[in-house]
Amino acid sequence: MHLRKEVDLDFRLKGQSIEIFEIRPVWQGKGETHEIPVAKATFVRTRGAWRLYWQRSDLKWHRYEPLPEATAIETVVEEVDADPFGCFWG
Protein backbone atom coordinates (compact mmCIF):
# COMPACT_ATOMS: atom_id res chain seq x y z
CA MET A 1 0.00 0.00 0.00
CA HIS A 2 2.83 2.41 0.83
CA LEU A 3 4.27 2.01 -2.71
CA ARG A 4 1.15 3.21 -4.50
CA LYS A 5 2.58 6.72 -4.74
CA GLU A 6 5.58 5.28 -6.59
CA VAL A 7 3.92 2.62 -8.75
CA ASP A 8 0.37 1.38 -9.14
CA LEU A 9 -1.48 -0.93 -11.50
CA ASP A 10 -4.75 -0.23 -13.21
CA PHE A 11 -6.79 -1.36 -16.17
CA ARG A 12 -9.31 0.02 -18.60
CA LEU A 13 -11.96 -1.51 -20.80
CA LYS A 14 -11.95 -0.51 -24.48
CA GLY A 15 -14.55 -2.32 -26.54
CA GLN A 16 -13.70 -6.02 -26.38
CA SER A 17 -10.28 -5.37 -24.81
CA ILE A 18 -8.84 -4.99 -21.35
CA GLU A 19 -5.64 -2.93 -21.13
CA ILE A 20 -3.38 -3.32 -18.08
CA PHE A 21 -0.94 -0.52 -17.31
CA GLU A 22 1.37 0.83 -14.62
CA ILE A 23 0.94 4.31 -13.23
CA ARG A 24 4.18 6.04 -12.19
CA PRO A 25 5.02 9.61 -11.25
CA VAL A 26 6.74 11.69 -13.90
CA TRP A 27 10.39 12.21 -13.00
CA GLN A 28 10.69 15.67 -11.49
CA GLY A 29 6.99 16.17 -12.12
CA LYS A 30 4.84 17.90 -9.57
CA GLY A 31 2.11 15.36 -8.97
CA GLU A 32 1.97 14.35 -12.63
CA THR A 33 1.83 10.69 -13.59
CA HIS A 34 2.18 8.67 -16.75
CA GLU A 35 0.91 5.29 -17.85
CA ILE A 36 3.16 2.46 -19.00
CA PRO A 37 1.35 -0.26 -20.99
CA VAL A 38 1.83 -3.78 -19.66
CA ALA A 39 -0.57 -6.06 -21.54
CA LYS A 40 -3.79 -6.14 -23.53
CA ALA A 41 -6.31 -8.97 -23.73
CA THR A 42 -9.02 -8.99 -26.39
CA PHE A 43 -12.07 -11.23 -26.32
CA VAL A 44 -12.90 -12.78 -29.69
CA ARG A 45 -16.60 -13.64 -29.56
CA THR A 46 -16.57 -15.93 -32.59
CA ARG A 47 -13.95 -18.13 -30.89
CA GLY A 48 -15.12 -17.65 -27.31
CA ALA A 49 -11.52 -16.99 -26.31
CA TRP A 50 -9.15 -14.29 -25.11
CA ARG A 51 -6.08 -13.27 -27.10
CA LEU A 52 -3.14 -11.79 -25.24
CA TYR A 53 -0.91 -9.00 -26.61
CA TRP A 54 2.29 -7.33 -25.46
CA GLN A 55 3.82 -4.03 -26.53
CA ARG A 56 7.21 -4.20 -28.20
CA SER A 57 9.73 -1.40 -28.62
CA ASP A 58 7.91 -0.24 -31.78
CA LEU A 59 5.02 0.71 -29.42
CA LYS A 60 2.61 -1.58 -31.28
CA TRP A 61 0.68 -4.46 -29.76
CA HIS A 62 1.87 -7.90 -30.85
CA ARG A 63 0.26 -11.28 -30.23
CA TYR A 64 1.80 -13.14 -27.34
CA GLU A 65 2.56 -16.42 -29.08
CA PRO A 66 3.35 -18.59 -26.01
CA LEU A 67 -0.36 -18.31 -25.10
CA PRO A 68 -2.26 -17.96 -28.40
CA GLU A 69 -5.71 -18.15 -26.79
CA ALA A 70 -7.31 -18.72 -23.41
CA THR A 71 -10.92 -19.47 -22.58
CA ALA A 72 -10.74 -17.79 -19.16
CA ILE A 73 -9.47 -14.30 -18.34
CA GLU A 74 -7.89 -15.77 -15.18
CA THR A 75 -5.50 -17.75 -17.40
CA VAL A 76 -4.46 -14.52 -19.14
CA VAL A 77 -3.89 -12.73 -15.83
CA GLU A 78 -1.82 -15.66 -14.52
CA GLU A 79 0.38 -15.59 -17.65
CA VAL A 80 0.95 -11.83 -17.37
CA ASP A 81 1.75 -12.18 -13.67
CA ALA A 82 4.18 -15.09 -14.22
CA ASP A 83 5.77 -13.42 -17.30
CA PRO A 84 8.00 -16.41 -18.14
CA PHE A 85 9.56 -14.66 -21.17
CA GLY A 86 9.98 -11.14 -19.76
CA CYS A 87 7.51 -9.57 -22.20
CA PHE A 88 5.28 -7.76 -19.72
CA TRP A 89 7.43 -6.75 -16.75
CA GLY A 90 10.84 -6.66 -18.44
PDB file of N, CA and C in Angstrom:
ATOM      1  N   MET A   1       0.815  -1.189   0.000  1.00  0.00           N
ATOM      2  CA  MET A   1       0.000   0.000   0.000  1.00  0.00           C
ATOM      3  C   MET A   1       0.864   1.260   0.000  1.00  0.00           C
ATOM      4  N   HIS A   2       1.977   1.229   0.739  1.00  0.00           N
ATOM      5  CA  HIS A   2       2.831   2.411   0.827  1.00  0.00           C
ATOM      6  C   HIS A   2       3.554   2.726  -0.488  1.00  0.00           C
ATOM      7  N   LEU A   3       3.613   1.780  -1.412  1.00  0.00           N
ATOM      8  CA  LEU A   3       4.275   2.005  -2.708  1.00  0.00           C
ATOM      9  C   LEU A   3       3.356   2.607  -3.769  1.00  0.00           C
ATOM     10  N   ARG A   4       2.095   2.722  -3.489  1.00  0.00           N
ATOM     11  CA  ARG A   4       1.150   3.214  -4.497  1.00  0.00           C
ATOM     12  C   ARG A   4       1.490   4.588  -5.041  1.00  0.00           C
ATOM     13  N   LYS A   5       2.172   5.407  -4.250  1.00  0.00           N
ATOM     14  CA  LYS A   5       2.577   6.724  -4.744  1.00  0.00           C
ATOM     15  C   LYS A   5       3.703   6.604  -5.762  1.00  0.00           C
ATOM     16  N   GLU A   6       4.456   5.501  -5.690  1.00  0.00           N
ATOM     17  CA  GLU A   6       5.584   5.280  -6.594  1.00  0.00           C
ATOM     18  C   GLU A   6       5.195   4.468  -7.831  1.00  0.00           C
ATOM     19  N   VAL A   7       4.361   3.472  -7.635  1.00  0.00           N
ATOM     20  CA  VAL A   7       3.917   2.623  -8.755  1.00  0.00           C
ATOM     21  C   VAL A   7       2.575   1.992  -8.388  1.00  0.00           C
ATOM     22  N   ASP A   8       1.678   1.988  -9.346  1.00  0.00           N
ATOM     23  CA  ASP A   8       0.366   1.385  -9.136  1.00  0.00           C
ATOM     24  C   ASP A   8      -0.028   0.684 -10.424  1.00  0.00           C
ATOM     25  N   LEU A   9      -0.939  -0.232 -10.336  1.00  0.00           N
ATOM     26  CA  LEU A   9      -1.479  -0.935 -11.504  1.00  0.00           C
ATOM     27  C   LEU A   9      -2.936  -0.555 -11.673  1.00  0.00           C
ATOM     28  N   ASP A  10      -3.351  -0.508 -12.925  1.00  0.00           N
ATOM     29  CA  ASP A  10      -4.750  -0.230 -13.209  1.00  0.00           C
ATOM     30  C   ASP A  10      -5.097  -0.891 -14.539  1.00  0.00           C
ATOM     31  N   PHE A  11      -6.353  -0.819 -14.896  1.00  0.00           N
ATOM     32  CA  PHE A  11      -6.793  -1.364 -16.170  1.00  0.00           C
ATOM     33  C   PHE A  11      -7.924  -0.506 -16.701  1.00  0.00           C
ATOM     34  N   ARG A  12      -8.167  -0.658 -17.992  1.00  0.00           N
ATOM     35  CA  ARG A  12      -9.308   0.024 -18.597  1.00  0.00           C
ATOM     36  C   ARG A  12      -9.934  -0.921 -19.624  1.00  0.00           C
ATOM     37  N   LEU A  13     -11.220  -0.745 -19.794  1.00  0.00           N
ATOM     38  CA  LEU A  13     -11.955  -1.505 -20.797  1.00  0.00           C
ATOM     39  C   LEU A  13     -12.111  -0.638 -22.035  1.00  0.00           C
ATOM     40  N   LYS A  14     -11.782  -1.199 -23.191  1.00  0.00           N
ATOM     41  CA  LYS A  14     -11.946  -0.514 -24.475  1.00  0.00           C
ATOM     42  C   LYS A  14     -12.580  -1.510 -25.435  1.00  0.00           C
ATOM     43  N   GLY A  15     -13.872  -1.379 -25.650  1.00  0.00           N
ATOM     44  CA  GLY A  15     -14.555  -2.324 -26.536  1.00  0.00           C
ATOM     45  C   GLY A  15     -14.458  -3.732 -25.989  1.00  0.00           C
ATOM     46  N   GLN A  16     -13.868  -4.613 -26.778  1.00  0.00           N
ATOM     47  CA  GLN A  16     -13.702  -6.023 -26.384  1.00  0.00           C
ATOM     48  C   GLN A  16     -12.369  -6.267 -25.686  1.00  0.00           C
ATOM     49  N   SER A  17     -11.629  -5.219 -25.361  1.00  0.00           N
ATOM     50  CA  SER A  17     -10.280  -5.368 -24.809  1.00  0.00           C
ATOM     51  C   SER A  17     -10.171  -4.844 -23.388  1.00  0.00           C
ATOM     52  N   ILE A  18      -9.235  -5.444 -22.674  1.00  0.00           N
ATOM     53  CA  ILE A  18      -8.836  -4.988 -21.354  1.00  0.00           C
ATOM     54  C   ILE A  18      -7.363  -4.611 -21.461  1.00  0.00           C
ATOM     55  N   GLU A  19      -7.028  -3.380 -21.118  1.00  0.00           N
ATOM     56  CA  GLU A  19      -5.642  -2.931 -21.128  1.00  0.00           C
ATOM     57  C   GLU A  19      -5.158  -2.801 -19.688  1.00  0.00           C
ATOM     58  N   ILE A  20      -4.005  -3.403 -19.404  1.00  0.00           N
ATOM     59  CA  ILE A  20      -3.384  -3.323 -18.082  1.00  0.00           C
ATOM     60  C   ILE A  20      -2.191  -2.379 -18.205  1.00  0.00           C
ATOM     61  N   PHE A  21      -2.054  -1.467 -17.243  1.00  0.00           N
ATOM     62  CA  PHE A  21      -0.943  -0.523 -17.309  1.00  0.00           C
ATOM     63  C   PHE A  21      -0.472  -0.139 -15.916  1.00  0.00           C
ATOM     64  N   GLU A  22       0.794   0.298 -15.851  1.00  0.00           N
ATOM     65  CA  GLU A  22       1.369   0.828 -14.620  1.00  0.00           C
ATOM     66  C   GLU A  22       1.146   2.327 -14.595  1.00  0.00           C
ATOM     67  N   ILE A  23       1.005   2.867 -13.410  1.00  0.00           N
ATOM     68  CA  ILE A  23       0.939   4.314 -13.226  1.00  0.00           C
ATOM     69  C   ILE A  23       2.141   4.694 -12.364  1.00  0.00           C
ATOM     70  N   ARG A  24       2.980   5.589 -12.895  1.00  0.00           N
ATOM     71  CA  ARG A  24       4.176   6.043 -12.186  1.00  0.00           C
ATOM     72  C   ARG A  24       4.244   7.562 -12.221  1.00  0.00           C
ATOM     73  N   PRO A  25       4.855   8.153 -11.211  1.00  0.00           N
ATOM     74  CA  PRO A  25       5.016   9.608 -11.246  1.00  0.00           C
ATOM     75  C   PRO A  25       6.024  10.003 -12.325  1.00  0.00           C
ATOM     76  N   VAL A  26       5.803  11.153 -12.924  1.00  0.00           N
ATOM     77  CA  VAL A  26       6.742  11.690 -13.898  1.00  0.00           C
ATOM     78  C   VAL A  26       7.980  12.141 -13.132  1.00  0.00           C
ATOM     79  N   TRP A  27       9.162  11.825 -13.670  1.00  0.00           N
ATOM     80  CA  TRP A  27      10.391  12.212 -13.003  1.00  0.00           C
ATOM     81  C   TRP A  27      10.456  13.725 -12.929  1.00  0.00           C
ATOM     82  N   GLN A  28      10.659  14.239 -11.788  1.00  0.00           N
ATOM     83  CA  GLN A  28      10.686  15.669 -11.486  1.00  0.00           C
ATOM     84  C   GLN A  28       9.374  16.364 -11.823  1.00  0.00           C
ATOM     85  N   GLY A  29       8.306  15.581 -11.901  1.00  0.00           N
ATOM     86  CA  GLY A  29       6.990  16.167 -12.118  1.00  0.00           C
ATOM     87  C   GLY A  29       6.364  16.540 -10.788  1.00  0.00           C
ATOM     88  N   LYS A  30       5.500  17.468 -10.801  1.00  0.00           N
ATOM     89  CA  LYS A  30       4.840  17.898  -9.571  1.00  0.00           C
ATOM     90  C   LYS A  30       3.440  17.289  -9.527  1.00  0.00           C
ATOM     91  N   GLY A  31       3.386  16.037  -9.079  1.00  0.00           N
ATOM     92  CA  GLY A  31       2.110  15.357  -8.972  1.00  0.00           C
ATOM     93  C   GLY A  31       1.622  14.745 -10.278  1.00  0.00           C
ATOM     94  N   GLU A  32       2.371  14.918 -11.349  1.00  0.00           N
ATOM     95  CA  GLU A  32       1.968  14.346 -12.631  1.00  0.00           C
ATOM     96  C   GLU A  32       2.331  12.861 -12.681  1.00  0.00           C
ATOM     97  N   THR A  33       1.551  12.111 -13.406  1.00  0.00           N
ATOM     98  CA  THR A  33       1.828  10.688 -13.586  1.00  0.00           C
ATOM     99  C   THR A  33       1.774  10.340 -15.065  1.00  0.00           C
ATOM    100  N   HIS A  34       2.332   9.177 -15.397  1.00  0.00           N
ATOM    101  CA  HIS A  34       2.180   8.668 -16.752  1.00  0.00           C
ATOM    102  C   HIS A  34       1.881   7.180 -16.689  1.00  0.00           C
ATOM    103  N   GLU A  35       1.319   6.688 -17.778  1.00  0.00           N
ATOM    104  CA  GLU A  35       0.906   5.286 -17.854  1.00  0.00           C
ATOM    105  C   GLU A  35       1.884   4.516 -18.731  1.00  0.00           C
ATOM    106  N   ILE A  36       2.263   3.338 -18.255  1.00  0.00           N
ATOM    107  CA  ILE A  36       3.159   2.463 -18.998  1.00  0.00           C
ATOM    108  C   ILE A  36       2.380   1.194 -19.324  1.00  0.00           C
ATOM    109  N   PRO A  37       2.112   0.935 -20.613  1.00  0.00           N
ATOM    110  CA  PRO A  37       1.352  -0.256 -20.988  1.00  0.00           C
ATOM    111  C   PRO A  37       2.062  -1.543 -20.562  1.00  0.00           C
ATOM    112  N   VAL A  38       1.290  -2.492 -20.080  1.00  0.00           N
ATOM    113  CA  VAL A  38       1.830  -3.779 -19.658  1.00  0.00           C
ATOM    114  C   VAL A  38       1.321  -4.883 -20.579  1.00  0.00           C
ATOM    115  N   ALA A  39       0.011  -4.987 -20.740  1.00  0.00           N
ATOM    116  CA  ALA A  39      -0.573  -6.059 -21.542  1.00  0.00           C
ATOM    117  C   ALA A  39      -1.964  -5.643 -22.019  1.00  0.00           C
ATOM    118  N   LYS A  40      -2.431  -6.346 -23.036  1.00  0.00           N
ATOM    119  CA  LYS A  40      -3.788  -6.143 -23.531  1.00  0.00           C
ATOM    120  C   LYS A  40      -4.376  -7.509 -23.854  1.00  0.00           C
ATOM    121  N   ALA A  41      -5.592  -7.727 -23.421  1.00  0.00           N
ATOM    122  CA  ALA A  41      -6.312  -8.969 -23.733  1.00  0.00           C
ATOM    123  C   ALA A  41      -7.591  -8.590 -24.473  1.00  0.00           C
ATOM    124  N   THR A  42      -7.832  -9.263 -25.576  1.00  0.00           N
ATOM    125  CA  THR A  42      -9.017  -8.990 -26.391  1.00  0.00           C
ATOM    126  C   THR A  42      -9.860 -10.247 -26.476  1.00  0.00           C
ATOM    127  N   PHE A  43     -11.153 -10.090 -26.222  1.00  0.00           N
ATOM    128  CA  PHE A  43     -12.065 -11.225 -26.321  1.00  0.00           C
ATOM    129  C   PHE A  43     -12.585 -11.322 -27.746  1.00  0.00           C
ATOM    130  N   VAL A  44     -12.425 -12.512 -28.334  1.00  0.00           N
ATOM    131  CA  VAL A  44     -12.900 -12.778 -29.691  1.00  0.00           C
ATOM    132  C   VAL A  44     -14.172 -13.609 -29.558  1.00  0.00           C
ATOM    133  N   ARG A  45     -15.309 -12.965 -29.772  1.00  0.00           N
ATOM    134  CA  ARG A  45     -16.604 -13.636 -29.563  1.00  0.00           C
ATOM    135  C   ARG A  45     -16.777 -14.882 -30.424  1.00  0.00           C
ATOM    136  N   THR A  46     -16.362 -14.797 -31.681  1.00  0.00           N
ATOM    137  CA  THR A  46     -16.570 -15.934 -32.589  1.00  0.00           C
ATOM    138  C   THR A  46     -15.818 -17.177 -32.133  1.00  0.00           C
ATOM    139  N   ARG A  47     -14.732 -16.991 -31.379  1.00  0.00           N
ATOM    140  CA  ARG A  47     -13.950 -18.128 -30.894  1.00  0.00           C
ATOM    141  C   ARG A  47     -14.215 -18.420 -29.418  1.00  0.00           C
ATOM    142  N   GLY A  48     -14.872 -17.476 -28.742  1.00  0.00           N
ATOM    143  CA  GLY A  48     -15.122 -17.653 -27.312  1.00  0.00           C
ATOM    144  C   GLY A  48     -13.836 -17.706 -26.516  1.00  0.00           C
ATOM    145  N   ALA A  49     -12.836 -16.909 -26.940  1.00  0.00           N
ATOM    146  CA  ALA A  49     -11.520 -16.987 -26.307  1.00  0.00           C
ATOM    147  C   ALA A  49     -10.878 -15.604 -26.218  1.00  0.00           C
ATOM    148  N   TRP A  50      -9.941 -15.507 -25.294  1.00  0.00           N
ATOM    149  CA  TRP A  50      -9.150 -14.292 -25.105  1.00  0.00           C
ATOM    150  C   TRP A  50      -7.837 -14.424 -25.856  1.00  0.00           C
ATOM    151  N   ARG A  51      -7.400 -13.343 -26.472  1.00  0.00           N
ATOM    152  CA  ARG A  51      -6.080 -13.273 -27.095  1.00  0.00           C
ATOM    153  C   ARG A  51      -5.258 -12.250 -26.333  1.00  0.00           C
ATOM    154  N   LEU A  52      -4.020 -12.624 -26.050  1.00  0.00           N
ATOM    155  CA  LEU A  52      -3.137 -11.790 -25.245  1.00  0.00           C
ATOM    156  C   LEU A  52      -2.128 -11.086 -26.145  1.00  0.00           C
ATOM    157  N   TYR A  53      -1.851  -9.812 -25.829  1.00  0.00           N
ATOM    158  CA  TYR A  53      -0.906  -9.003 -26.608  1.00  0.00           C
ATOM    159  C   TYR A  53       0.092  -8.346 -25.668  1.00  0.00           C
ATOM    160  N   TRP A  54       1.282  -8.073 -26.191  1.00  0.00           N
ATOM    161  CA  TRP A  54       2.294  -7.330 -25.458  1.00  0.00           C
ATOM    162  C   TRP A  54       2.835  -6.236 -26.363  1.00  0.00           C
ATOM    163  N   GLN A  55       3.350  -5.171 -25.750  1.00  0.00           N
ATOM    164  CA  GLN A  55       3.817  -4.034 -26.535  1.00  0.00           C
ATOM    165  C   GLN A  55       5.335  -4.092 -26.672  1.00  0.00           C
ATOM    166  N   ARG A  56       5.776  -4.141 -27.922  1.00  0.00           N
ATOM    167  CA  ARG A  56       7.212  -4.201 -28.205  1.00  0.00           C
ATOM    168  C   ARG A  56       7.784  -2.787 -28.280  1.00  0.00           C
ATOM    169  N   SER A  57       9.062  -2.701 -28.572  1.00  0.00           N
ATOM    170  CA  SER A  57       9.730  -1.398 -28.615  1.00  0.00           C
ATOM    171  C   SER A  57       9.214  -0.496 -29.730  1.00  0.00           C
ATOM    172  N   ASP A  58       8.507  -1.075 -30.719  1.00  0.00           N
ATOM    173  CA  ASP A  58       7.911  -0.243 -31.777  1.00  0.00           C
ATOM    174  C   ASP A  58       6.595   0.406 -31.321  1.00  0.00           C
ATOM    175  N   LEU A  59       6.224   0.163 -30.052  1.00  0.00           N
ATOM    176  CA  LEU A  59       5.016   0.707 -29.418  1.00  0.00           C
ATOM    177  C   LEU A  59       3.725   0.205 -30.059  1.00  0.00           C
ATOM    178  N   LYS A  60       3.796  -0.930 -30.715  1.00  0.00           N
ATOM    179  CA  LYS A  60       2.609  -1.576 -31.281  1.00  0.00           C
ATOM    180  C   LYS A  60       2.339  -2.857 -30.498  1.00  0.00           C
ATOM    181  N   TRP A  61       1.065  -3.221 -30.448  1.00  0.00           N
ATOM    182  CA  TRP A  61       0.677  -4.455 -29.765  1.00  0.00           C
ATOM    183  C   TRP A  61       0.924  -5.640 -30.679  1.00  0.00           C
ATOM    184  N   HIS A  62       1.563  -6.679 -30.116  1.00  0.00           N
ATOM    185  CA  HIS A  62       1.866  -7.904 -30.855  1.00  0.00           C
ATOM    186  C   HIS A  62       1.279  -9.092 -30.104  1.00  0.00           C
ATOM    187  N   ARG A  63       0.804 -10.074 -30.864  1.00  0.00           N
ATOM    188  CA  ARG A  63       0.263 -11.285 -30.231  1.00  0.00           C
ATOM    189  C   ARG A  63       1.324 -11.951 -29.384  1.00  0.00           C
ATOM    190  N   TYR A  64       0.922 -12.402 -28.251  1.00  0.00           N
ATOM    191  CA  TYR A  64       1.796 -13.136 -27.345  1.00  0.00           C
ATOM    192  C   TYR A  64       1.685 -14.610 -27.719  1.00  0.00           C
ATOM    193  N   GLU A  65       2.633 -15.074 -28.502  1.00  0.00           N
ATOM    194  CA  GLU A  65       2.564 -16.424 -29.080  1.00  0.00           C
ATOM    195  C   GLU A  65       2.633 -17.579 -28.079  1.00  0.00           C
ATOM    196  N   PRO A  66       3.343 -17.453 -26.946  1.00  0.00           N
ATOM    197  CA  PRO A  66       3.354 -18.585 -26.007  1.00  0.00           C
ATOM    198  C   PRO A  66       1.967 -18.968 -25.483  1.00  0.00           C
ATOM    199  N   LEU A  67       1.019 -18.022 -25.502  1.00  0.00           N
ATOM    200  CA  LEU A  67      -0.358 -18.311 -25.097  1.00  0.00           C
ATOM    201  C   LEU A  67      -1.272 -17.746 -26.179  1.00  0.00           C
ATOM    202  N   PRO A  68      -1.478 -18.489 -27.272  1.00  0.00           N
ATOM    203  CA  PRO A  68      -2.256 -17.955 -28.395  1.00  0.00           C
ATOM    204  C   PRO A  68      -3.694 -17.597 -28.036  1.00  0.00           C
ATOM    205  N   GLU A  69      -4.325 -18.419 -27.210  1.00  0.00           N
ATOM    206  CA  GLU A  69      -5.707 -18.153 -26.792  1.00  0.00           C
ATOM    207  C   GLU A  69      -5.946 -18.762 -25.419  1.00  0.00           C
ATOM    208  N   ALA A  70      -6.911 -18.187 -24.718  1.00  0.00           N
ATOM    209  CA  ALA A  70      -7.312 -18.720 -23.413  1.00  0.00           C
ATOM    210  C   ALA A  70      -8.818 -18.560 -23.293  1.00  0.00           C
ATOM    211  N   THR A  71      -9.475 -19.550 -22.725  1.00  0.00           N
ATOM    212  CA  THR A  71     -10.924 -19.474 -22.581  1.00  0.00           C
ATOM    213  C   THR A  71     -11.345 -18.704 -21.335  1.00  0.00           C
ATOM    214  N   ALA A  72     -10.419 -18.505 -20.399  1.00  0.00           N
ATOM    215  CA  ALA A  72     -10.735 -17.790 -19.156  1.00  0.00           C
ATOM    216  C   ALA A  72      -9.781 -16.617 -18.983  1.00  0.00           C
ATOM    217  N   ILE A  73     -10.300 -15.487 -18.563  1.00  0.00           N
ATOM    218  CA  ILE A  73      -9.466 -14.302 -18.338  1.00  0.00           C
ATOM    219  C   ILE A  73      -8.468 -14.556 -17.211  1.00  0.00           C
ATOM    220  N   GLU A  74      -8.809 -15.432 -16.273  1.00  0.00           N
ATOM    221  CA  GLU A  74      -7.889 -15.766 -15.185  1.00  0.00           C
ATOM    222  C   GLU A  74      -6.595 -16.362 -15.724  1.00  0.00           C
ATOM    223  N   THR A  75      -6.686 -17.158 -16.776  1.00  0.00           N
ATOM    224  CA  THR A  75      -5.501 -17.746 -17.405  1.00  0.00           C
ATOM    225  C   THR A  75      -4.603 -16.657 -17.976  1.00  0.00           C
ATOM    226  N   VAL A  76      -5.212 -15.653 -18.585  1.00  0.00           N
ATOM    227  CA  VAL A  76      -4.464 -14.525 -19.143  1.00  0.00           C
ATOM    228  C   VAL A  76      -3.755 -13.768 -18.028  1.00  0.00           C
ATOM    229  N   VAL A  77      -4.468 -13.474 -16.954  1.00  0.00           N
ATOM    230  CA  VAL A  77      -3.887 -12.733 -15.829  1.00  0.00           C
ATOM    231  C   VAL A  77      -2.733 -13.522 -15.208  1.00  0.00           C
ATOM    232  N   GLU A  78      -2.884 -14.817 -15.068  1.00  0.00           N
ATOM    233  CA  GLU A  78      -1.820 -15.656 -14.520  1.00  0.00           C
ATOM    234  C   GLU A  78      -0.579 -15.615 -15.403  1.00  0.00           C
ATOM    235  N   GLU A  79      -0.755 -15.633 -16.716  1.00  0.00           N
ATOM    236  CA  GLU A  79       0.376 -15.594 -17.649  1.00  0.00           C
ATOM    237  C   GLU A  79       1.098 -14.249 -17.558  1.00  0.00           C
ATOM    238  N   VAL A  80       0.344 -13.160 -17.497  1.00  0.00           N
ATOM    239  CA  VAL A  80       0.948 -11.827 -17.367  1.00  0.00           C
ATOM    240  C   VAL A  80       1.704 -11.737 -16.051  1.00  0.00           C
ATOM    241  N   ASP A  81       1.117 -12.233 -14.977  1.00  0.00           N
ATOM    242  CA  ASP A  81       1.751 -12.183 -13.667  1.00  0.00           C
ATOM    243  C   ASP A  81       3.038 -13.011 -13.639  1.00  0.00           C
ATOM    244  N   ALA A  82       3.005 -14.205 -14.204  1.00  0.00           N
ATOM    245  CA  ALA A  82       4.183 -15.088 -14.222  1.00  0.00           C
ATOM    246  C   ALA A  82       5.266 -14.546 -15.158  1.00  0.00           C
ATOM    247  N   ASP A  83       4.869 -14.010 -16.307  1.00  0.00           N
ATOM    248  CA  ASP A  83       5.771 -13.421 -17.301  1.00  0.00           C
ATOM    249  C   ASP A  83       7.020 -14.269 -17.549  1.00  0.00           C
ATOM    250  N   PRO A  84       6.853 -15.518 -17.996  1.00  0.00           N
ATOM    251  CA  PRO A  84       8.003 -16.415 -18.142  1.00  0.00           C
ATOM    252  C   PRO A  84       9.023 -15.970 -19.197  1.00  0.00           C
ATOM    253  N   PHE A  85       8.652 -15.095 -20.118  1.00  0.00           N
ATOM    254  CA  PHE A  85       9.564 -14.663 -21.167  1.00  0.00           C
ATOM    255  C   PHE A  85       9.978 -13.195 -21.047  1.00  0.00           C
ATOM    256  N   GLY A  86       9.579 -12.527 -19.984  1.00  0.00           N
ATOM    257  CA  GLY A  86       9.975 -11.143 -19.760  1.00  0.00           C
ATOM    258  C   GLY A  86       9.344 -10.144 -20.724  1.00  0.00           C
ATOM    259  N   CYS A  87       8.181 -10.452 -21.224  1.00  0.00           N
ATOM    260  CA  CYS A  87       7.514  -9.567 -22.199  1.00  0.00           C
ATOM    261  C   CYS A  87       6.713  -8.451 -21.517  1.00  0.00           C
ATOM    262  N   PHE A  88       6.201  -8.705 -20.347  1.00  0.00           N
ATOM    263  CA  PHE A  88       5.284  -7.758 -19.716  1.00  0.00           C
ATOM    264  C   PHE A  88       5.975  -6.881 -18.666  1.00  0.00           C
ATOM    265  N   TRP A  89       6.804  -7.477 -17.854  1.00  0.00           N
ATOM    266  CA  TRP A  89       7.427  -6.746 -16.750  1.00  0.00           C
ATOM    267  C   TRP A  89       8.909  -6.494 -16.963  1.00  0.00           C
ATOM    268  N   GLY A  90       9.425  -6.932 -18.113  1.00  0.00           N
ATOM    269  CA  GLY A  90      10.840  -6.656 -18.436  1.00  0.00           C
ATOM    270  C   GLY A  90      11.724  -7.684 -17.952  1.00  0.00           C
TER     271      GLY A  90
END
